[in-house]
Amino acid sequence: CGRCGDLLGTALVNNVVLAQLLGVSALARWTGRVEGALLLGTATLTLLVLSSSGLYLIRRWALEPLGIPQLFLPVAMLWIVLTAAVVELAGKELDARLYRALRNFRPWILANTAVLGTALLNADRAASLAAATFQAFAVGMGFLLFSALFAGLRERLDVFAAARQQDLIAEHLGRT
């Protein structure tokens, strides 16, 4: 299926973290455990889809027809913050874990360049609302996948480092 190839290409090959180095700060801070990374990735995915879709509509149906496309960046920032607040409130009613993730990760998600970069590029380059939404979903899935893999690697390395420290301590205590 053609859309499956597009999804895999965007999520894996054109990954915003690997190919464009967007969103690295959020990954470095919140991916010490896989569970935290999955919550961060889910919250980011949700915000990416909703903000990109909304910004596409705002740009195409409001700013361009009114002849004020230069206001897009400030409007985009406000829209992303508003969308994050609405998603957080909806998360409170729908899923307690998603709500906690959104509340805890809000500064990192809002400062996440993957969210802003994807939203801006989709609103500018996407041919349709469906394309903008699909692209945002694929980027979000790539961010979610990479954050989970990164967290798994960090957990593994932390386990190895802890085991190595215990071996060093036991070796040192055995010699004295």
C-alpha atoms as a PDB file:
ATOM      1  CA  CYS A   1       0.000   0.000   0.000  1.00  0.00           C
ATOM      2  CA  GLY A   2       1.347   3.425  -0.967  1.00  0.00           C
ATOM      3  CA  ARG A   3       0.337   5.144   2.257  1.00  0.00           C
ATOM      4  CA  CYS A   4       2.119   2.462   4.323  1.00  0.00           C
ATOM      5  CA  GLY A   5       5.331   3.254   2.465  1.00  0.00           C
ATOM      6  CA  ASP A   6       4.824   6.971   3.113  1.00  0.00           C
ATOM      7  CA  LEU A   7       4.215   6.275   6.799  1.00  0.00           C
ATOM      8  CA  LEU A   8       7.326   4.125   7.114  1.00  0.00           C
ATOM      9  CA  GLY A   9       9.407   6.571   5.097  1.00  0.00           C
ATOM     10  CA  THR A  10       8.417   9.519   7.260  1.00  0.00           C
ATOM     11  CA  ALA A  11       8.655   7.622  10.552  1.00  0.00           C
ATOM     12  CA  LEU A  12      11.949   5.867   9.875  1.00  0.00           C
ATOM     13  CA  VAL A  13      13.896   7.480   7.045  1.00  0.00           C
ATOM     14  CA  ASN A  14      12.832  11.122   7.407  1.00  0.00           C
ATOM     15  CA  ASN A  15      12.534  10.907  11.190  1.00  0.00           C
ATOM     16  CA  VAL A  16      12.449  14.410  12.694  1.00  0.00           C
ATOM     17  CA  VAL A  17      14.848  13.415  15.453  1.00  0.00           C
ATOM     18  CA  LEU A  18      17.363  11.520  13.330  1.00  0.00           C
ATOM     19  CA  ALA A  19      17.258  13.397  10.025  1.00  0.00           C
ATOM     20  CA  GLN A  20      16.416  16.919  11.164  1.00  0.00           C
ATOM     21  CA  LEU A  21      17.561  16.863  14.820  1.00  0.00           C
ATOM     22  CA  LEU A  22      14.221  18.249  16.002  1.00  0.00           C
ATOM     23  CA  GLY A  23      12.952  17.346  19.446  1.00  0.00           C
ATOM     24  CA  VAL A  24      16.283  16.178  20.827  1.00  0.00           C
ATOM     25  CA  SER A  25      15.992  18.266  24.011  1.00  0.00           C
ATOM     26  CA  ALA A  26      12.766  16.556  25.031  1.00  0.00           C
ATOM     27  CA  LEU A  27      14.287  13.139  24.362  1.00  0.00           C
ATOM     28  CA  ALA A  28      17.387  13.866  26.386  1.00  0.00           C
ATOM     29  CA  ARG A  29      15.356  14.927  29.415  1.00  0.00           C
ATOM     30  CA  TRP A  30      12.394  12.544  29.477  1.00  0.00           C
ATOM     31  CA  THR A  31      13.506   9.245  28.013  1.00  0.00           C
ATOM     32  CA  GLY A  32      15.247   7.637  30.950  1.00  0.00           C
ATOM     33  CA  ARG A  33      12.530   4.985  31.104  1.00  0.00           C
ATOM     34  CA  VAL A  34      10.477   3.421  28.335  1.00  0.00           C
ATOM     35  CA  GLU A  35       7.182   4.238  30.055  1.00  0.00           C
ATOM     36  CA  GLY A  36       8.073   7.936  30.237  1.00  0.00           C
ATOM     37  CA  ALA A  37       9.177   7.904  26.614  1.00  0.00           C
ATOM     38  CA  LEU A  38       5.918   6.289  25.497  1.00  0.00           C
ATOM     39  CA  LEU A  39       3.889   8.877  27.392  1.00  0.00           C
ATOM     40  CA  LEU A  40       5.983  11.716  25.961  1.00  0.00           C
ATOM     41  CA  GLY A  41       5.680  10.236  22.470  1.00  0.00           C
ATOM     42  CA  THR A  42       1.917   9.785  22.766  1.00  0.00           C
ATOM     43  CA  ALA A  43       1.424  13.325  24.048  1.00  0.00           C
ATOM     44  CA  THR A  44       3.646  14.691  21.268  1.00  0.00           C
ATOM     45  CA  LEU A  45       1.859  12.608  18.626  1.00  0.00           C
ATOM     46  CA  THR A  46      -1.530  13.892  19.786  1.00  0.00           C
ATOM     47  CA  LEU A  47      -0.377  17.491  19.765  1.00  0.00           C
ATOM     48  CA  LEU A  48       1.334  17.102  16.376  1.00  0.00           C
ATOM     49  CA  VAL A  49      -1.793  15.783  14.672  1.00  0.00           C
ATOM     50  CA  LEU A  50      -4.164  18.336  16.166  1.00  0.00           C
ATOM     51  CA  SER A  51      -1.896  21.352  15.800  1.00  0.00           C
ATOM     52  CA  SER A  52      -0.846  20.523  12.232  1.00  0.00           C
ATOM     53  CA  SER A  53      -4.429  19.961  11.123  1.00  0.00           C
ATOM     54  CA  GLY A  54      -5.625  23.150  12.769  1.00  0.00           C
ATOM     55  CA  LEU A  55      -2.769  25.235  11.433  1.00  0.00           C
ATOM     56  CA  TYR A  56      -3.347  23.970   7.915  1.00  0.00           C
ATOM     57  CA  LEU A  57      -6.960  25.134   8.142  1.00  0.00           C
ATOM     58  CA  ILE A  58      -6.029  28.459   9.756  1.00  0.00           C
ATOM     59  CA  ARG A  59      -3.459  29.223   7.085  1.00  0.00           C
ATOM     60  CA  ARG A  60      -5.551  28.141   4.088  1.00  0.00           C
ATOM     61  CA  TRP A  61      -8.981  29.390   5.221  1.00  0.00           C
ATOM     62  CA  ALA A  62      -8.163  32.462   7.318  1.00  0.00           C
ATOM     63  CA  LEU A  63      -4.723  33.992   6.911  1.00  0.00           C
ATOM     64  CA  GLU A  64      -4.239  33.569   3.149  1.00  0.00           C
ATOM     65  CA  PRO A  65      -7.752  34.716   2.150  1.00  0.00           C
ATOM     66  CA  LEU A  66      -7.402  37.763   4.422  1.00  0.00           C
ATOM     67  CA  GLY A  67      -4.011  38.547   2.899  1.00  0.00           C
ATOM     68  CA  ILE A  68      -2.088  38.319   6.182  1.00  0.00           C
ATOM     69  CA  PRO A  69       0.129  35.240   5.856  1.00  0.00           C
ATOM     70  CA  GLN A  70       2.928  37.081   7.684  1.00  0.00           C
ATOM     71  CA  LEU A  71       0.991  36.563  10.935  1.00  0.00           C
ATOM     72  CA  PHE A  72       1.305  32.818  10.589  1.00  0.00           C
ATOM     73  CA  LEU A  73       4.167  32.304  13.052  1.00  0.00           C
ATOM     74  CA  PRO A  74       2.569  34.142  16.015  1.00  0.00           C
ATOM     75  CA  VAL A  75      -0.774  32.518  15.246  1.00  0.00           C
ATOM     76  CA  ALA A  76       0.949  29.121  15.051  1.00  0.00           C
ATOM     77  CA  MET A  77       2.526  29.597  18.469  1.00  0.00           C
ATOM     78  CA  LEU A  78      -0.800  30.577  20.005  1.00  0.00           C
ATOM     79  CA  TRP A  79      -2.603  27.710  18.274  1.00  0.00           C
ATOM     80  CA  ILE A  80      -0.111  25.131  19.521  1.00  0.00           C
ATOM     81  CA  VAL A  81      -0.385  26.406  23.111  1.00  0.00           C
ATOM     82  CA  LEU A  82      -4.186  26.465  22.885  1.00  0.00           C
ATOM     83  CA  THR A  83      -4.256  22.975  21.385  1.00  0.00           C
ATOM     84  CA  ALA A  84      -1.982  21.662  24.137  1.00  0.00           C
ATOM     85  CA  ALA A  85      -4.283  23.140  26.793  1.00  0.00           C
ATOM     86  CA  VAL A  86      -7.398  21.632  25.186  1.00  0.00           C
ATOM     87  CA  VAL A  87      -5.715  18.241  24.784  1.00  0.00           C
ATOM     88  CA  GLU A  88      -4.628  18.372  28.417  1.00  0.00           C
ATOM     89  CA  LEU A  89      -8.183  19.117  29.559  1.00  0.00           C
ATOM     90  CA  ALA A  90      -9.589  16.388  27.323  1.00  0.00           C
ATOM     91  CA  GLY A  91      -6.928  14.002  28.619  1.00  0.00           C
ATOM     92  CA  LYS A  92      -8.121  14.662  32.139  1.00  0.00           C
ATOM     93  CA  GLU A  93     -11.513  13.253  31.194  1.00  0.00           C
ATOM     94  CA  LEU A  94     -10.320  10.460  28.890  1.00  0.00           C
ATOM     95  CA  ASP A  95      -7.157   8.954  30.340  1.00  0.00           C
ATOM     96  CA  ALA A  96      -5.503   9.813  33.648  1.00  0.00           C
ATOM     97  CA  ARG A  97      -2.039   8.696  32.469  1.00  0.00           C
ATOM     98  CA  LEU A  98      -2.212  10.830  29.327  1.00  0.00           C
ATOM     99  CA  TYR A  99      -3.376  13.777  31.444  1.00  0.00           C
ATOM    100  CA  ARG A 100      -0.440  13.363  33.847  1.00  0.00           C
ATOM    101  CA  ALA A 101       1.948  13.043  30.919  1.00  0.00           C
ATOM    102  CA  LEU A 102       0.603  16.172  29.283  1.00  0.00           C
ATOM    103  CA  ARG A 103       0.724  18.090  32.547  1.00  0.00           C
ATOM    104  CA  ASN A 104       4.268  16.946  33.357  1.00  0.00           C
ATOM    105  CA  PHE A 105       5.639  17.224  29.836  1.00  0.00           C
ATOM    106  CA  ARG A 106       3.870  20.454  28.797  1.00  0.00           C
ATOM    107  CA  PRO A 107       6.961  22.695  28.888  1.00  0.00           C
ATOM    108  CA  TRP A 108       8.985  20.126  26.955  1.00  0.00           C
ATOM    109  CA  ILE A 109       6.258  19.417  24.435  1.00  0.00           C
ATOM    110  CA  LEU A 110       5.599  23.098  23.776  1.00  0.00           C
ATOM    111  CA  ALA A 111       9.308  23.813  23.435  1.00  0.00           C
ATOM    112  CA  ASN A 112       9.738  20.718  21.275  1.00  0.00           C
ATOM    113  CA  THR A 113      10.935  21.884  17.900  1.00  0.00           C
ATOM    114  CA  ALA A 114       9.476  18.764  16.296  1.00  0.00           C
ATOM    115  CA  VAL A 115       5.982  20.046  17.089  1.00  0.00           C
ATOM    116  CA  LEU A 116       6.575  23.553  15.788  1.00  0.00           C
ATOM    117  CA  GLY A 117       8.652  22.449  12.801  1.00  0.00           C
ATOM    118  CA  THR A 118       6.155  19.832  11.665  1.00  0.00           C
ATOM    119  CA  ALA A 119       3.194  22.141  12.137  1.00  0.00           C
ATOM    120  CA  LEU A 120       4.852  24.933  10.169  1.00  0.00           C
ATOM    121  CA  LEU A 121       6.030  22.691   7.336  1.00  0.00           C
ATOM    122  CA  ASN A 122       2.688  20.920   7.037  1.00  0.00           C
ATOM    123  CA  ALA A 123       0.710  24.131   6.918  1.00  0.00           C
ATOM    124  CA  ASP A 124       3.022  25.491   4.267  1.00  0.00           C
ATOM    125  CA  ARG A 125       3.687  22.450   2.056  1.00  0.00           C
ATOM    126  CA  ALA A 126       0.798  20.016   2.466  1.00  0.00           C
ATOM    127  CA  ALA A 127      -1.511  19.721  -0.508  1.00  0.00           C
ATOM    128  CA  SER A 128      -4.608  18.982   1.586  1.00  0.00           C
ATOM    129  CA  LEU A 129      -5.875  18.682   5.116  1.00  0.00           C
ATOM    130  CA  ALA A 130      -5.658  14.890   4.861  1.00  0.00           C
ATOM    131  CA  ALA A 131      -2.031  15.126   3.735  1.00  0.00           C
ATOM    132  CA  ALA A 132      -1.149  17.496   6.587  1.00  0.00           C
ATOM    133  CA  THR A 133      -2.840  15.222   9.119  1.00  0.00           C
ATOM    134  CA  PHE A 134      -1.219  12.078   7.728  1.00  0.00           C
ATOM    135  CA  GLN A 135       2.222  13.692   7.665  1.00  0.00           C
ATOM    136  CA  ALA A 136       1.824  14.852  11.274  1.00  0.00           C
ATOM    137  CA  PHE A 137       0.733  11.359  12.313  1.00  0.00           C
ATOM    138  CA  ALA A 138       3.741   9.799  10.586  1.00  0.00           C
ATOM    139  CA  VAL A 139       6.123  12.295  12.199  1.00  0.00           C
ATOM    140  CA  GLY A 140       4.508  11.627  15.581  1.00  0.00           C
ATOM    141  CA  MET A 141       4.859   7.873  15.118  1.00  0.00           C
ATOM    142  CA  GLY A 142       8.527   8.335  14.216  1.00  0.00           C
ATOM    143  CA  PHE A 143       9.072  10.483  17.309  1.00  0.00           C
ATOM    144  CA  LEU A 144       7.252   7.915  19.464  1.00  0.00           C
ATOM    145  CA  LEU A 145       9.255   5.035  17.996  1.00  0.00           C
ATOM    146  CA  PHE A 146      12.603   6.758  18.348  1.00  0.00           C
ATOM    147  CA  SER A 147      11.885   7.973  21.889  1.00  0.00           C
ATOM    148  CA  ALA A 148      10.926   4.427  22.947  1.00  0.00           C
ATOM    149  CA  LEU A 149      14.043   2.955  21.321  1.00  0.00           C
ATOM    150  CA  PHE A 150      16.233   5.660  22.840  1.00  0.00           C
ATOM    151  CA  ALA A 151      14.721   5.047  26.285  1.00  0.00           C
ATOM    152  CA  GLY A 152      15.193   1.293  25.936  1.00  0.00           C
ATOM    153  CA  LEU A 153      18.829   1.838  25.062  1.00  0.00           C
ATOM    154  CA  ARG A 154      19.300   4.169  28.009  1.00  0.00           C
ATOM    155  CA  GLU A 155      17.662   1.667  30.366  1.00  0.00           C
ATOM    156  CA  ARG A 156      19.916  -1.072  29.036  1.00  0.00           C
ATOM    157  CA  LEU A 157      23.034   1.055  29.383  1.00  0.00           C
ATOM    158  CA  ASP A 158      22.040   2.113  32.900  1.00  0.00           C
ATOM    159  CA  VAL A 159      21.625  -1.551  33.870  1.00  0.00           C
ATOM    160  CA  PHE A 160      25.041  -2.377  32.455  1.00  0.00           C
ATOM    161  CA  ALA A 161      26.614   0.636  34.168  1.00  0.00           C
ATOM    162  CA  ALA A 162      25.031  -0.307  37.492  1.00  0.00           C
ATOM    163  CA  ALA A 163      26.214  -3.919  37.155  1.00  0.00           C
ATOM    164  CA  ARG A 164      29.709  -2.732  36.264  1.00  0.00           C
ATOM    165  CA  GLN A 165      29.746  -0.433  39.307  1.00  0.00           C
ATOM    166  CA  GLN A 166      28.661  -3.302  41.551  1.00  0.00           C
ATOM    167  CA  ASP A 167      31.420  -5.499  40.124  1.00  0.00           C
ATOM    168  CA  LEU A 168      33.975  -2.756  40.710  1.00  0.00           C
ATOM    169  CA  ILE A 169      32.794  -2.243  44.285  1.00  0.00           C
ATOM    170  CA  ALA A 170      32.834  -5.986  44.997  1.00  0.00           C
ATOM    171  CA  GLU A 171      36.298  -6.262  43.460  1.00  0.00           C
ATOM    172  CA  HIS A 172      37.545  -3.327  45.512  1.00  0.00           C
ATOM    173  CA  LEU A 173      36.058  -4.658  48.736  1.00  0.00           C
ATOM    174  CA  GLY A 174      37.493  -8.090  48.034  1.00  0.00           C
ATOM    175  CA  ARG A 175      41.016  -6.689  47.710  1.00  0.00           C
ATOM    176  CA  THR A 176      41.016  -4.629  50.895  1.00  0.00           C
END
